[in-house]
């Protein structure tokens, strides 16, 4: 619990709820520990608010007590499950992330296109309302099959069913650290299907977005139905019908905020507009430095010049 607290409090020392919890830190931790030992722990409710990034998302924020537990659970379970994840799943994992996924995209593009001498086709799909569509009962069954200690399974059930999306037994809250891990456990079933049943070699997934590379457009078209059937029948997830694309690498594929080509990538228009909108609100040197860190991953010379001119 103390190790989890050290991780949790990073960047939150100025938050009022964290400060109040810290005033009686050991009493609060011992109380939580006692409730866990005797089976009396009950997850509290959530504070709901919206963010725009760029589309609106509803965030559900648990109490400090519950979020501390989430960190403790994550510390123990993440190493256990991470070993089961495929190499090309990149979201919410240590030493991975968006930039590693972007590098992998470039590498696969080069391999499948045979260094731009052959046509490389890419299928990109998106799962509709991903977090709110996760079936809690299916997730709990996955956890129960892998965790022998049923007290732990019971605790995870308490965390999972604490959230109500408005649909019976569905959804995970955007805002829980445990939700990130649960989503990877849930979609790992799909990853394994793609890699072992469909035998797809060039596949990348980041959260609910995934891409498949092939030299054959016809092959990718046939995969769509197989993928949709598996997601719906096994995981009760549905592909977003308006976000299924098959394009050539030479024409550019939009993935994770960038439009990718064979040997370069450019910033997505919506990402660029959002960035300049925020810079007009806040053009401090720290903000500019963070955006320059993002822009170094693509062909963004003109954008950098525009940012410099704005800051003058």
Protein backbone atom coordinates (compact mmCIF):
# COMPACT_ATOMS: atom_id res chain seq x y z
CA UNK A 1 0.00 0.00 0.00
CA UNK A 2 2.84 2.42 0.82
CA UNK A 3 4.56 1.65 -2.47
CA UNK A 4 1.29 2.18 -4.28
CA UNK A 5 0.84 5.51 -2.47
CA UNK A 6 4.27 6.75 -3.60
CA UNK A 7 3.24 6.06 -7.20
CA UNK A 8 -0.25 7.47 -6.80
CA UNK A 9 0.74 10.77 -5.18
CA UNK A 10 3.15 11.73 -7.97
CA UNK A 11 1.76 14.87 -9.60
CA UNK A 12 -1.19 15.04 -7.19
CA UNK A 13 0.31 16.72 -4.11
CA UNK A 14 -1.58 19.94 -4.84
CA UNK A 15 -4.96 18.16 -5.14
CA UNK A 16 -7.29 18.82 -2.22
CA UNK A 17 -8.61 15.26 -1.93
CA UNK A 18 -5.07 13.82 -1.96
CA UNK A 19 -3.94 16.32 0.69
CA UNK A 20 -6.87 15.41 2.95
CA UNK A 21 -6.08 11.69 2.62
CA UNK A 22 -2.39 12.32 3.34
CA UNK A 23 -3.14 14.18 6.59
CA UNK A 24 -4.04 10.82 8.15
CA UNK A 25 -2.12 8.65 5.70
CA UNK A 26 -1.22 5.71 7.94
CA UNK A 27 -4.67 5.60 9.56
CA UNK A 28 -6.30 5.60 6.12
CA UNK A 29 -3.97 2.92 4.74
CA UNK A 30 -4.39 0.68 7.80
CA UNK A 31 -8.16 1.08 7.58
CA UNK A 32 -8.14 0.11 3.91
CA UNK A 33 -5.83 -2.82 4.63
CA UNK A 34 -8.09 -4.05 7.42
CA UNK A 35 -11.17 -3.90 5.18
CA UNK A 36 -9.34 -5.89 2.51
CA UNK A 37 -8.21 -8.55 5.00
CA UNK A 38 -11.64 -9.13 6.51
CA UNK A 39 -13.56 -8.85 3.23
CA UNK A 40 -15.39 -5.68 4.23
CA UNK A 41 -14.04 -3.46 1.44
CA UNK A 42 -16.65 -1.84 -0.78
CA UNK A 43 -15.80 0.37 -3.73
CA UNK A 44 -17.24 3.89 -3.57
CA UNK A 45 -18.93 5.93 -6.26
CA UNK A 46 -17.52 8.17 -8.98
CA UNK A 47 -17.31 11.85 -9.74
CA UNK A 48 -18.22 12.42 -13.39
CA UNK A 49 -16.84 15.15 -15.65
CA UNK A 50 -16.16 15.68 -19.35
CA UNK A 51 -12.95 16.39 -21.26
CA UNK A 52 -12.53 17.31 -24.91
CA UNK A 53 -9.57 15.59 -26.56
CA UNK A 54 -10.70 16.59 -29.25
CA UNK A 55 -14.01 14.72 -29.05
CA UNK A 56 -15.91 14.77 -25.74
CA UNK A 57 -15.14 11.96 -23.30
CA UNK A 58 -16.77 11.26 -19.95
CA UNK A 59 -14.26 10.63 -17.17
CA UNK A 60 -15.27 8.89 -13.95
CA UNK A 61 -13.04 9.72 -10.99
CA UNK A 62 -13.03 7.43 -7.97
CA UNK A 63 -12.17 8.49 -4.41
CA UNK A 64 -8.53 8.67 -3.31
CA UNK A 65 -9.05 5.56 -1.18
CA UNK A 66 -10.31 3.56 -4.16
CA UNK A 67 -7.67 4.94 -6.53
CA UNK A 68 -4.95 3.95 -4.06
CA UNK A 69 -6.33 0.41 -4.15
CA UNK A 70 -6.34 0.53 -7.97
CA UNK A 71 -2.62 1.32 -7.91
CA UNK A 72 -1.92 -1.50 -5.46
CA UNK A 73 -3.88 -3.99 -7.57
CA UNK A 74 -2.19 -2.79 -10.76
CA UNK A 75 1.31 -3.19 -9.27
CA UNK A 76 0.65 -6.86 -8.56
CA UNK A 77 -1.45 -7.90 -11.56
CA UNK A 78 0.27 -6.02 -14.39
CA UNK A 79 3.51 -8.10 -14.38
CA UNK A 80 1.43 -11.29 -14.19
CA UNK A 81 -0.71 -10.49 -17.22
CA UNK A 82 1.81 -8.49 -19.25
CA UNK A 83 3.69 -11.70 -20.04
CA UNK A 84 0.61 -12.98 -21.88
CA UNK A 85 0.25 -9.94 -24.17
CA UNK A 86 1.52 -10.00 -27.75
CA UNK A 87 4.54 -7.91 -28.73
CA UNK A 88 2.50 -5.66 -31.03
CA UNK A 89 -0.04 -4.49 -28.45
CA UNK A 90 1.17 -1.04 -27.38
CA UNK A 91 -1.37 0.77 -25.20
CA UNK A 92 -0.93 1.32 -21.45
CA UNK A 93 2.15 -0.87 -21.05
CA UNK A 94 5.58 -0.18 -19.60
CA UNK A 95 8.26 0.67 -22.20
CA UNK A 96 5.69 0.80 -24.99
CA UNK A 97 3.21 3.55 -25.91
CA UNK A 98 2.35 5.57 -29.00
CA UNK A 99 5.88 6.30 -30.17
CA UNK A 100 6.85 2.62 -30.15
CA UNK A 101 3.65 1.85 -32.09
CA UNK A 102 4.55 4.52 -34.67
CA UNK A 103 8.00 3.00 -35.17
CA UNK A 104 6.46 -0.44 -35.59
CA UNK A 105 4.06 0.94 -38.20
CA UNK A 106 6.97 2.33 -40.20
CA UNK A 107 8.86 -0.96 -39.95
CA UNK A 108 5.88 -3.04 -41.11
CA UNK A 109 5.26 -0.64 -43.98
CA UNK A 110 8.81 -1.11 -45.19
CA UNK A 111 8.66 -4.88 -44.93
CA UNK A 112 5.28 -5.38 -46.65
CA UNK A 113 6.03 -2.86 -49.40
CA UNK A 114 9.47 -4.44 -49.91
CA UNK A 115 11.06 -1.03 -49.45
CA UNK A 116 8.39 0.72 -51.51
CA UNK A 117 8.75 -1.55 -54.55
CA UNK A 118 5.37 -3.27 -54.06
CA UNK A 119 1.88 -2.08 -53.11
CA UNK A 120 1.28 -2.23 -49.37
CA UNK A 121 -2.39 -2.33 -48.36
CA UNK A 122 -3.50 -1.45 -44.82
CA UNK A 123 -6.76 -2.30 -43.06
CA UNK A 124 -7.59 0.05 -40.19
CA UNK A 125 -10.51 -0.54 -37.81
CA UNK A 126 -11.92 0.99 -34.66
CA UNK A 127 -14.13 -0.62 -32.00
CA UNK A 128 -17.32 1.34 -31.34
CA UNK A 129 -17.75 2.72 -27.78
CA UNK A 130 -14.96 0.47 -26.59
CA UNK A 131 -14.83 1.16 -22.84
CA UNK A 132 -18.61 1.25 -22.42
CA UNK A 133 -19.09 -1.96 -24.44
CA UNK A 134 -16.81 -4.27 -22.46
CA UNK A 135 -18.91 -7.06 -20.98
CA UNK A 136 -18.20 -7.27 -17.26
CA UNK A 137 -19.25 -10.92 -16.99
CA UNK A 138 -16.95 -11.99 -19.82
CA UNK A 139 -14.09 -10.03 -18.24
CA UNK A 140 -14.68 -11.60 -14.84
CA UNK A 141 -14.69 -15.07 -16.41
CA UNK A 142 -11.30 -14.32 -18.01
CA UNK A 143 -9.91 -13.21 -14.65
CA UNK A 144 -11.38 -16.20 -12.84
CA UNK A 145 -9.75 -18.60 -15.32
CA UNK A 146 -6.31 -17.09 -14.75
CA UNK A 147 -6.30 -16.24 -11.02
CA UNK A 148 -6.43 -19.11 -8.59
CA UNK A 149 -7.00 -17.03 -5.44
CA UNK A 150 -10.75 -16.42 -5.47
CA UNK A 151 -10.47 -13.66 -2.86
CA UNK A 152 -8.54 -11.65 -5.43
CA UNK A 153 -11.16 -12.42 -8.06
CA UNK A 154 -13.82 -11.22 -5.61
CA UNK A 155 -11.94 -7.96 -5.06
CA UNK A 156 -11.60 -7.41 -8.81
CA UNK A 157 -15.32 -8.06 -9.17
CA UNK A 158 -16.01 -5.37 -6.56
CA UNK A 159 -13.94 -2.89 -8.61
CA UNK A 160 -15.49 -3.88 -11.94
CA UNK A 161 -19.16 -3.85 -10.92
CA UNK A 162 -18.73 -0.53 -9.08
CA UNK A 163 -19.24 1.16 -12.45
CA UNK A 164 -22.62 1.48 -14.13
CA UNK A 165 -22.55 2.61 -17.76
CA UNK A 166 -26.33 2.59 -18.06
CA UNK A 167 -26.32 -0.85 -19.69
CA UNK A 168 -26.56 -3.96 -17.47
CA UNK A 169 -23.15 -5.54 -16.73
CA UNK A 170 -21.37 -3.40 -19.31
CA UNK A 171 -18.54 -0.93 -19.32
CA UNK A 172 -15.41 0.17 -17.52
CA UNK A 173 -14.79 3.73 -16.30
CA UNK A 174 -12.38 5.99 -18.17
CA UNK A 175 -10.27 7.19 -15.26
CA UNK A 176 -9.50 3.98 -13.35
CA UNK A 177 -5.93 2.75 -13.64
CA UNK A 178 -7.30 -0.79 -13.41
CA UNK A 179 -9.48 -0.14 -16.47
CA UNK A 180 -6.34 0.16 -18.61
CA UNK A 181 -5.17 -3.27 -17.49
CA UNK A 182 -8.63 -4.85 -17.77
CA UNK A 183 -8.97 -3.53 -21.34
CA UNK A 184 -5.68 -5.12 -22.35
CA UNK A 185 -6.68 -8.42 -20.74
CA UNK A 186 -10.02 -8.28 -22.57
CA UNK A 187 -8.61 -7.41 -26.00
CA UNK A 188 -5.74 -9.87 -25.62
CA UNK A 189 -8.30 -12.52 -26.57
CA UNK A 190 -8.72 -10.72 -29.89
CA UNK A 191 -4.96 -10.28 -30.31
CA UNK A 192 -4.43 -14.01 -29.86
CA UNK A 193 -7.19 -14.74 -32.40
CA UNK A 194 -5.56 -12.45 -34.98
CA UNK A 195 -2.08 -13.87 -34.46
CA UNK A 196 -2.86 -17.58 -34.07
CA UNK A 197 -6.23 -18.28 -35.70
CA UNK A 198 -5.97 -15.80 -38.57
CA UNK A 199 -2.16 -16.08 -38.65
CA UNK A 200 -1.68 -12.39 -39.30
CA UNK A 201 1.97 -11.43 -39.06
CA UNK A 202 1.79 -7.67 -39.54
CA UNK A 203 -0.73 -6.42 -36.98
CA UNK A 204 -0.61 -3.52 -34.51
CA UNK A 205 -3.16 -2.65 -31.85
CA UNK A 206 -3.33 0.44 -29.66
CA UNK A 207 -6.38 0.39 -27.36
CA UNK A 208 -9.41 0.12 -29.67
CA UNK A 209 -7.55 1.02 -32.89
CA UNK A 210 -5.77 -1.63 -34.93
CA UNK A 211 -4.13 -1.99 -38.34
CA UNK A 212 -3.24 -4.99 -40.49
CA UNK A 213 -0.73 -4.85 -43.35
CA UNK A 214 -0.90 -7.01 -46.48
CA UNK A 215 0.19 -7.09 -50.09
CA UNK A 216 -3.37 -8.12 -51.04
CA UNK A 217 -6.43 -5.88 -50.80
CA UNK A 218 -8.67 -8.90 -51.37
CA UNK A 219 -7.15 -10.67 -48.37
CA UNK A 220 -7.88 -7.69 -46.11
CA UNK A 221 -11.46 -7.43 -47.35
CA UNK A 222 -12.07 -11.07 -46.41
CA UNK A 223 -10.67 -10.47 -42.92
CA UNK A 224 -13.24 -7.82 -42.03
CA UNK A 225 -16.13 -10.27 -41.64
CA UNK A 226 -14.03 -12.78 -39.66
CA UNK A 227 -12.84 -10.05 -37.33
CA UNK A 228 -16.32 -8.59 -36.86
CA UNK A 229 -17.81 -12.03 -36.09
CA UNK A 230 -15.16 -12.85 -33.48
CA UNK A 231 -15.48 -9.50 -31.73
CA UNK A 232 -19.27 -9.70 -31.60
CA UNK A 233 -19.63 -13.38 -30.70
CA UNK A 234 -16.74 -13.76 -28.24
CA UNK A 235 -16.34 -10.29 -26.76
CA UNK A 236 -19.65 -8.53 -27.56
CA UNK A 237 -17.74 -5.72 -29.26
CA UNK A 238 -18.73 -4.12 -32.56
CA UNK A 239 -16.53 -2.58 -35.22
CA UNK A 240 -17.38 1.04 -35.87
CA UNK A 241 -19.01 0.85 -39.34
CA UNK A 242 -17.80 4.34 -40.31
CA UNK A 243 -14.20 3.71 -39.26
CA UNK A 244 -13.21 0.73 -41.41
CA UNK A 245 -10.64 1.75 -44.00
CA UNK A 246 -8.51 -0.06 -46.57
CA UNK A 247 -5.88 2.17 -48.13
CA UNK A 248 -2.46 1.90 -49.69
CA UNK A 249 0.56 3.09 -47.75
CA UNK A 250 1.50 5.37 -50.65
CA UNK A 251 -1.84 7.23 -50.32
CA UNK A 252 -1.36 7.70 -46.55
CA UNK A 253 -3.00 5.96 -43.59
CA UNK A 254 -4.27 7.89 -40.57
CA UNK A 255 -3.24 6.12 -37.35
CA UNK A 256 -2.65 7.44 -33.82
CA UNK A 257 -2.75 11.10 -34.73
CA UNK A 258 -0.44 10.89 -37.75
CA UNK A 259 -0.92 10.23 -41.45
CA UNK A 260 1.69 7.63 -42.42
CA UNK A 261 3.50 7.15 -45.72
CA UNK A 262 6.37 4.88 -46.69
CA UNK A 263 9.25 7.01 -45.42
CA UNK A 264 7.59 9.79 -43.43
CA UNK A 265 4.52 10.83 -41.47
CA UNK A 266 2.64 14.11 -41.17
CA UNK A 267 0.46 15.40 -38.37
CA UNK A 268 -3.27 14.75 -38.68
CA UNK A 269 -5.24 17.93 -39.46
CA UNK A 270 -7.44 17.66 -36.36
CA UNK A 271 -4.37 17.16 -34.14
CA UNK A 272 -2.69 20.21 -35.68
CA UNK A 273 -5.77 22.41 -35.21
CA UNK A 274 -6.14 21.26 -31.60
CA UNK A 275 -2.48 22.03 -30.92
CA UNK A 276 -2.67 25.59 -32.25
CA UNK A 277 -5.93 26.20 -30.41
CA UNK A 278 -4.25 25.25 -27.13
CA UNK A 279 -1.16 27.31 -27.96
CA UNK A 280 -3.35 30.41 -28.36
CA UNK A 281 -4.65 29.78 -24.84
CA UNK A 282 -1.25 28.93 -23.37
CA UNK A 283 2.03 29.73 -25.14
CA UNK A 284 4.35 29.20 -22.17
CA UNK A 285 7.79 27.74 -22.91
CA UNK A 286 6.87 24.47 -21.16
CA UNK A 287 3.84 24.01 -23.42
CA UNK A 288 5.88 24.78 -26.55
CA UNK A 289 8.60 22.33 -25.46
CA UNK A 290 6.04 19.55 -24.97
CA UNK A 291 4.64 20.09 -28.47
CA UNK A 292 8.14 20.13 -29.96
CA UNK A 293 8.64 16.74 -28.28
CA UNK A 294 5.57 15.47 -30.13
CA UNK A 295 6.55 17.04 -33.46
CA UNK A 296 10.01 15.46 -33.57
CA UNK A 297 8.34 12.18 -34.53
CA UNK A 298 7.26 13.38 -37.98
CA UNK A 299 7.85 15.75 -40.88
CA UNK A 300 6.79 18.96 -39.17
CA UNK A 301 9.26 21.69 -40.20
CA UNK A 302 6.59 24.19 -41.28
CA UNK A 303 4.52 23.57 -38.15
CA UNK A 304 7.55 24.23 -35.95
CA UNK A 305 8.20 27.50 -37.77
CA UNK A 306 4.62 28.57 -37.20
CA UNK A 307 4.87 27.77 -33.47
CA UNK A 308 8.09 29.79 -33.19
CA UNK A 309 6.44 32.75 -34.92
CA UNK A 310 3.47 32.53 -32.53
CA UNK A 311 5.79 32.66 -29.51
CA UNK A 312 7.72 35.73 -30.71
